[in-house]
Amino acid sequence: MSNRFDEQHDQSPHVPTNPPEMDLTSSPTNDLERALAAAESGRLDQRELFKIFVHSEVYEIAAQPQAKDSPVFPLALHDPEQGRMIAVFSSSDHALRYREQAPLLLPLQGSQVLEQVPAGHGVVLNPGSPISLTIPGYGVLNLRRDFGIRPVTM
């Protein structure tokens, strides 16, 4: 399934791979990260992992709005293989490397993230971290269907 992107597609930051300031030996610090590690090692099936994600608190980051009543949009990254991805973090610590670019930290449930992802976008959890997860755009649609999540319409 092909993804559709907006006009700003090529101007998005790229999803980092092994950013220099991140500790690549980091251990899981919460239930979602432990579930990611268990799924990676084959000790947890994918359905259970996504069930935990849907019910976990995660964080989106965003730039300051231009005006007081302007909407806030989460940071979207560009992955060469997956296209536009909404950056989501399993803890506020994982979001620190984007503090200058997107200083607002927005706590949400995983299900709320899936409700709000724009058409054609995927989700990347903890971009650049060894404890990460990539959900392509078609995967977002499948998770909405599987968990009965309705997208927010604007």
C-alpha atoms as a PDB file:
ATOM      1  CA  MET A   1       0.000   0.000   0.000  1.00  0.00           C
ATOM      2  CA  SER A   2       1.484   3.354  -0.917  1.00  0.00           C
ATOM      3  CA  ASN A   3       1.518   6.280   1.476  1.00  0.00           C
ATOM      4  CA  ARG A   4       0.408   9.795   0.565  1.00  0.00           C
ATOM      5  CA  PHE A   5       2.379  12.767   1.826  1.00  0.00           C
ATOM      6  CA  ASP A   6       1.942  16.514   2.040  1.00  0.00           C
ATOM      7  CA  GLU A   7       3.945  19.202   0.221  1.00  0.00           C
ATOM      8  CA  GLN A   8       6.436  19.478   3.106  1.00  0.00           C
ATOM      9  CA  HIS A   9       7.488  15.831   2.720  1.00  0.00           C
ATOM     10  CA  ASP A  10      11.108  16.475   1.773  1.00  0.00           C
ATOM     11  CA  GLN A  11      11.592  19.127   4.457  1.00  0.00           C
ATOM     12  CA  SER A  12      11.014  16.782   7.384  1.00  0.00           C
ATOM     13  CA  PRO A  13      13.865  15.811   9.696  1.00  0.00           C
ATOM     14  CA  HIS A  14      15.142  12.299   9.047  1.00  0.00           C
ATOM     15  CA  VAL A  15      14.611   9.506  11.524  1.00  0.00           C
ATOM     16  CA  PRO A  16      17.965   9.187  13.292  1.00  0.00           C
ATOM     17  CA  THR A  17      19.951   5.991  13.454  1.00  0.00           C
ATOM     18  CA  ASN A  18      22.074   5.609  16.558  1.00  0.00           C
ATOM     19  CA  PRO A  19      22.319   9.276  17.566  1.00  0.00           C
ATOM     20  CA  PRO A  20      25.707   9.936  19.156  1.00  0.00           C
ATOM     21  CA  GLU A  21      24.385  11.211  22.488  1.00  0.00           C
ATOM     22  CA  MET A  22      22.190   8.183  23.197  1.00  0.00           C
ATOM     23  CA  ASP A  23      23.330   5.350  25.420  1.00  0.00           C
ATOM     24  CA  LEU A  24      22.919   2.276  23.213  1.00  0.00           C
ATOM     25  CA  THR A  25      23.120  -0.031  26.224  1.00  0.00           C
ATOM     26  CA  SER A  26      20.048   1.517  27.870  1.00  0.00           C
ATOM     27  CA  SER A  27      17.761  -0.857  29.711  1.00  0.00           C
ATOM     28  CA  PRO A  28      13.968  -0.781  29.570  1.00  0.00           C
ATOM     29  CA  THR A  29      12.556   1.621  32.176  1.00  0.00           C
ATOM     30  CA  ASN A  30       8.787   0.992  31.973  1.00  0.00           C
ATOM     31  CA  ASP A  31       6.248  -1.676  30.992  1.00  0.00           C
ATOM     32  CA  LEU A  32       6.095  -0.598  27.353  1.00  0.00           C
ATOM     33  CA  GLU A  33       9.881  -0.741  26.968  1.00  0.00           C
ATOM     34  CA  ARG A  34      10.004  -4.130  28.708  1.00  0.00           C
ATOM     35  CA  ALA A  35       7.303  -5.348  26.297  1.00  0.00           C
ATOM     36  CA  LEU A  36       9.340  -4.065  23.333  1.00  0.00           C
ATOM     37  CA  ALA A  37      12.413  -5.923  24.591  1.00  0.00           C
ATOM     38  CA  ALA A  38      10.375  -9.101  25.190  1.00  0.00           C
ATOM     39  CA  ALA A  39       8.843  -8.933  21.699  1.00  0.00           C
ATOM     40  CA  GLU A  40      12.273  -8.377  20.157  1.00  0.00           C
ATOM     41  CA  SER A  41      13.578 -11.530  21.863  1.00  0.00           C
ATOM     42  CA  GLY A  42      10.492 -13.566  20.921  1.00  0.00           C
ATOM     43  CA  ARG A  43       9.128 -13.819  24.479  1.00  0.00           C
ATOM     44  CA  LEU A  44       6.024 -11.731  23.678  1.00  0.00           C
ATOM     45  CA  ASP A  45       3.837 -11.975  20.601  1.00  0.00           C
ATOM     46  CA  GLN A  46       3.112  -8.949  18.461  1.00  0.00           C
ATOM     47  CA  ARG A  47      -0.592  -8.746  19.382  1.00  0.00           C
ATOM     48  CA  GLU A  48       0.271  -8.492  23.090  1.00  0.00           C
ATOM     49  CA  LEU A  49       2.911  -5.852  22.357  1.00  0.00           C
ATOM     50  CA  PHE A  50       0.393  -3.705  20.492  1.00  0.00           C
ATOM     51  CA  LYS A  51      -2.182  -4.215  23.242  1.00  0.00           C
ATOM     52  CA  ILE A  52       0.342  -2.832  25.733  1.00  0.00           C
ATOM     53  CA  PHE A  53       1.198   0.070  23.382  1.00  0.00           C
ATOM     54  CA  VAL A  54      -2.484   1.017  22.950  1.00  0.00           C
ATOM     55  CA  HIS A  55      -2.956   1.216  26.740  1.00  0.00           C
ATOM     56  CA  SER A  56       0.407   2.825  27.619  1.00  0.00           C
ATOM     57  CA  GLU A  57       1.167   6.460  28.259  1.00  0.00           C
ATOM     58  CA  VAL A  58       3.463   7.755  25.544  1.00  0.00           C
ATOM     59  CA  TYR A  59       4.673  11.219  24.575  1.00  0.00           C
ATOM     60  CA  GLU A  60       4.456  13.212  21.381  1.00  0.00           C
ATOM     61  CA  ILE A  61       6.576  16.299  20.951  1.00  0.00           C
ATOM     62  CA  ALA A  62       5.698  19.496  19.138  1.00  0.00           C
ATOM     63  CA  ALA A  63       7.033  22.958  18.380  1.00  0.00           C
ATOM     64  CA  GLN A  64       5.514  25.978  20.094  1.00  0.00           C
ATOM     65  CA  PRO A  65       2.426  27.202  18.207  1.00  0.00           C
ATOM     66  CA  GLN A  66       2.865  30.471  16.301  1.00  0.00           C
ATOM     67  CA  ALA A  67      -0.175  32.068  17.940  1.00  0.00           C
ATOM     68  CA  LYS A  68      -2.072  31.479  21.167  1.00  0.00           C
ATOM     69  CA  ASP A  69      -5.034  29.776  19.491  1.00  0.00           C
ATOM     70  CA  SER A  70      -3.036  27.931  16.817  1.00  0.00           C
ATOM     71  CA  PRO A  71      -3.213  24.136  16.742  1.00  0.00           C
ATOM     72  CA  VAL A  72      -0.258  22.090  17.959  1.00  0.00           C
ATOM     73  CA  PHE A  73       1.093  19.491  15.520  1.00  0.00           C
ATOM     74  CA  PRO A  74       3.348  16.624  16.631  1.00  0.00           C
ATOM     75  CA  LEU A  75       6.817  16.299  15.146  1.00  0.00           C
ATOM     76  CA  ALA A  76       6.785  14.259  11.934  1.00  0.00           C
ATOM     77  CA  LEU A  77      10.033  12.676  10.779  1.00  0.00           C
ATOM     78  CA  HIS A  78      10.946  11.371   7.349  1.00  0.00           C
ATOM     79  CA  ASP A  79      12.117   7.784   7.043  1.00  0.00           C
ATOM     80  CA  PRO A  80      13.527   6.956   3.585  1.00  0.00           C
ATOM     81  CA  GLU A  81      11.784   3.558   3.600  1.00  0.00           C
ATOM     82  CA  GLN A  82       8.562   4.293   5.512  1.00  0.00           C
ATOM     83  CA  GLY A  83       7.859   7.934   4.582  1.00  0.00           C
ATOM     84  CA  ARG A  84       6.340  10.343   7.102  1.00  0.00           C
ATOM     85  CA  MET A  85       6.348   9.079  10.670  1.00  0.00           C
ATOM     86  CA  ILE A  86       4.916  10.678  13.799  1.00  0.00           C
ATOM     87  CA  ALA A  87       7.573  10.561  16.531  1.00  0.00           C
ATOM     88  CA  VAL A  88       6.325   9.088  19.811  1.00  0.00           C
ATOM     89  CA  PHE A  89       8.337   8.320  22.930  1.00  0.00           C
ATOM     90  CA  SER A  90       7.877   5.745  25.684  1.00  0.00           C
ATOM     91  CA  SER A  91       9.300   8.148  28.276  1.00  0.00           C
ATOM     92  CA  SER A  92      10.066  11.839  28.436  1.00  0.00           C
ATOM     93  CA  ASP A  93      13.797  10.993  28.626  1.00  0.00           C
ATOM     94  CA  HIS A  94      13.750   9.583  25.079  1.00  0.00           C
ATOM     95  CA  ALA A  95      12.373  12.908  23.790  1.00  0.00           C
ATOM     96  CA  LEU A  96      15.236  15.024  25.180  1.00  0.00           C
ATOM     97  CA  ARG A  97      17.315  14.963  21.994  1.00  0.00           C
ATOM     98  CA  TYR A  98      14.524  16.868  20.189  1.00  0.00           C
ATOM     99  CA  ARG A  99      14.068  19.527  22.896  1.00  0.00           C
ATOM    100  CA  GLU A 100      15.327  22.434  20.738  1.00  0.00           C
ATOM    101  CA  GLN A 101      13.280  21.444  17.697  1.00  0.00           C
ATOM    102  CA  ALA A 102      10.097  20.528  19.550  1.00  0.00           C
ATOM    103  CA  PRO A 103      10.013  21.653  23.197  1.00  0.00           C
ATOM    104  CA  LEU A 104       6.373  20.754  23.937  1.00  0.00           C
ATOM    105  CA  LEU A 105       5.874  17.339  25.520  1.00  0.00           C
ATOM    106  CA  LEU A 106       2.342  15.970  25.066  1.00  0.00           C
ATOM    107  CA  PRO A 107       1.398  12.911  27.170  1.00  0.00           C
ATOM    108  CA  LEU A 108      -1.165  10.637  25.465  1.00  0.00           C
ATOM    109  CA  GLN A 109      -2.384   7.065  25.526  1.00  0.00           C
ATOM    110  CA  GLY A 110      -1.125   4.938  22.635  1.00  0.00           C
ATOM    111  CA  SER A 111      -4.730   4.650  21.447  1.00  0.00           C
ATOM    112  CA  GLN A 112      -4.964   8.459  21.226  1.00  0.00           C
ATOM    113  CA  VAL A 113      -1.848   8.547  19.070  1.00  0.00           C
ATOM    114  CA  LEU A 114      -3.416   6.032  16.679  1.00  0.00           C
ATOM    115  CA  GLU A 115      -6.640   8.088  16.579  1.00  0.00           C
ATOM    116  CA  GLN A 116      -4.755  11.228  15.579  1.00  0.00           C
ATOM    117  CA  VAL A 117      -2.173   9.961  13.069  1.00  0.00           C
ATOM    118  CA  PRO A 118      -2.824  11.676   9.712  1.00  0.00           C
ATOM    119  CA  ALA A 119      -3.649   9.515   6.691  1.00  0.00           C
ATOM    120  CA  GLY A 120      -0.549   7.991   5.116  1.00  0.00           C
ATOM    121  CA  HIS A 121       1.649   8.547   8.184  1.00  0.00           C
ATOM    122  CA  GLY A 122       3.166   5.879  10.379  1.00  0.00           C
ATOM    123  CA  VAL A 123       4.415   5.982  13.957  1.00  0.00           C
ATOM    124  CA  VAL A 124       7.970   5.560  15.178  1.00  0.00           C
ATOM    125  CA  LEU A 125       8.359   4.883  18.892  1.00  0.00           C
ATOM    126  CA  ASN A 126      11.688   6.077  20.337  1.00  0.00           C
ATOM    127  CA  PRO A 127      13.367   6.997  17.021  1.00  0.00           C
ATOM    128  CA  GLY A 128      17.085   6.268  17.086  1.00  0.00           C
ATOM    129  CA  SER A 129      16.902   4.198  20.255  1.00  0.00           C
ATOM    130  CA  PRO A 130      17.689   0.481  20.498  1.00  0.00           C
ATOM    131  CA  ILE A 131      14.311   0.181  22.267  1.00  0.00           C
ATOM    132  CA  SER A 132      12.145   1.252  19.333  1.00  0.00           C
ATOM    133  CA  LEU A 133       9.220   0.264  17.161  1.00  0.00           C
ATOM    134  CA  THR A 134       8.179   1.342  13.658  1.00  0.00           C
ATOM    135  CA  ILE A 135       4.530   1.110  12.617  1.00  0.00           C
ATOM    136  CA  PRO A 136       4.095   1.956   8.916  1.00  0.00           C
ATOM    137  CA  GLY A 137       0.985   3.775   7.696  1.00  0.00           C
ATOM    138  CA  TYR A 138      -0.820   0.552   6.747  1.00  0.00           C
ATOM    139  CA  GLY A 139       0.043  -0.824  10.204  1.00  0.00           C
ATOM    140  CA  VAL A 140      -1.698   2.149  11.824  1.00  0.00           C
ATOM    141  CA  LEU A 141      -4.819   1.312   9.793  1.00  0.00           C
ATOM    142  CA  ASN A 142      -4.614  -2.354  10.846  1.00  0.00           C
ATOM    143  CA  LEU A 143      -4.221  -1.443  14.534  1.00  0.00           C
ATOM    144  CA  ARG A 144      -7.191   0.920  14.365  1.00  0.00           C
ATOM    145  CA  ARG A 145      -9.265  -1.923  12.927  1.00  0.00           C
ATOM    146  CA  ASP A 146      -7.976  -4.583  15.334  1.00  0.00           C
ATOM    147  CA  PHE A 147      -8.496  -2.468  18.464  1.00  0.00           C
ATOM    148  CA  GLY A 148     -11.665  -0.632  17.394  1.00  0.00           C
ATOM    149  CA  ILE A 149      -9.960   2.768  17.300  1.00  0.00           C
ATOM    150  CA  ARG A 150     -11.683   5.397  15.188  1.00  0.00           C
ATOM    151  CA  PRO A 151      -9.578   8.127  13.599  1.00  0.00           C
ATOM    152  CA  VAL A 152     -10.296  11.699  14.629  1.00  0.00           C
ATOM    153  CA  THR A 153     -11.819  13.609  11.726  1.00  0.00           C
ATOM    154  CA  MET A 154     -11.207  17.291  11.326  1.00  0.00           C
END
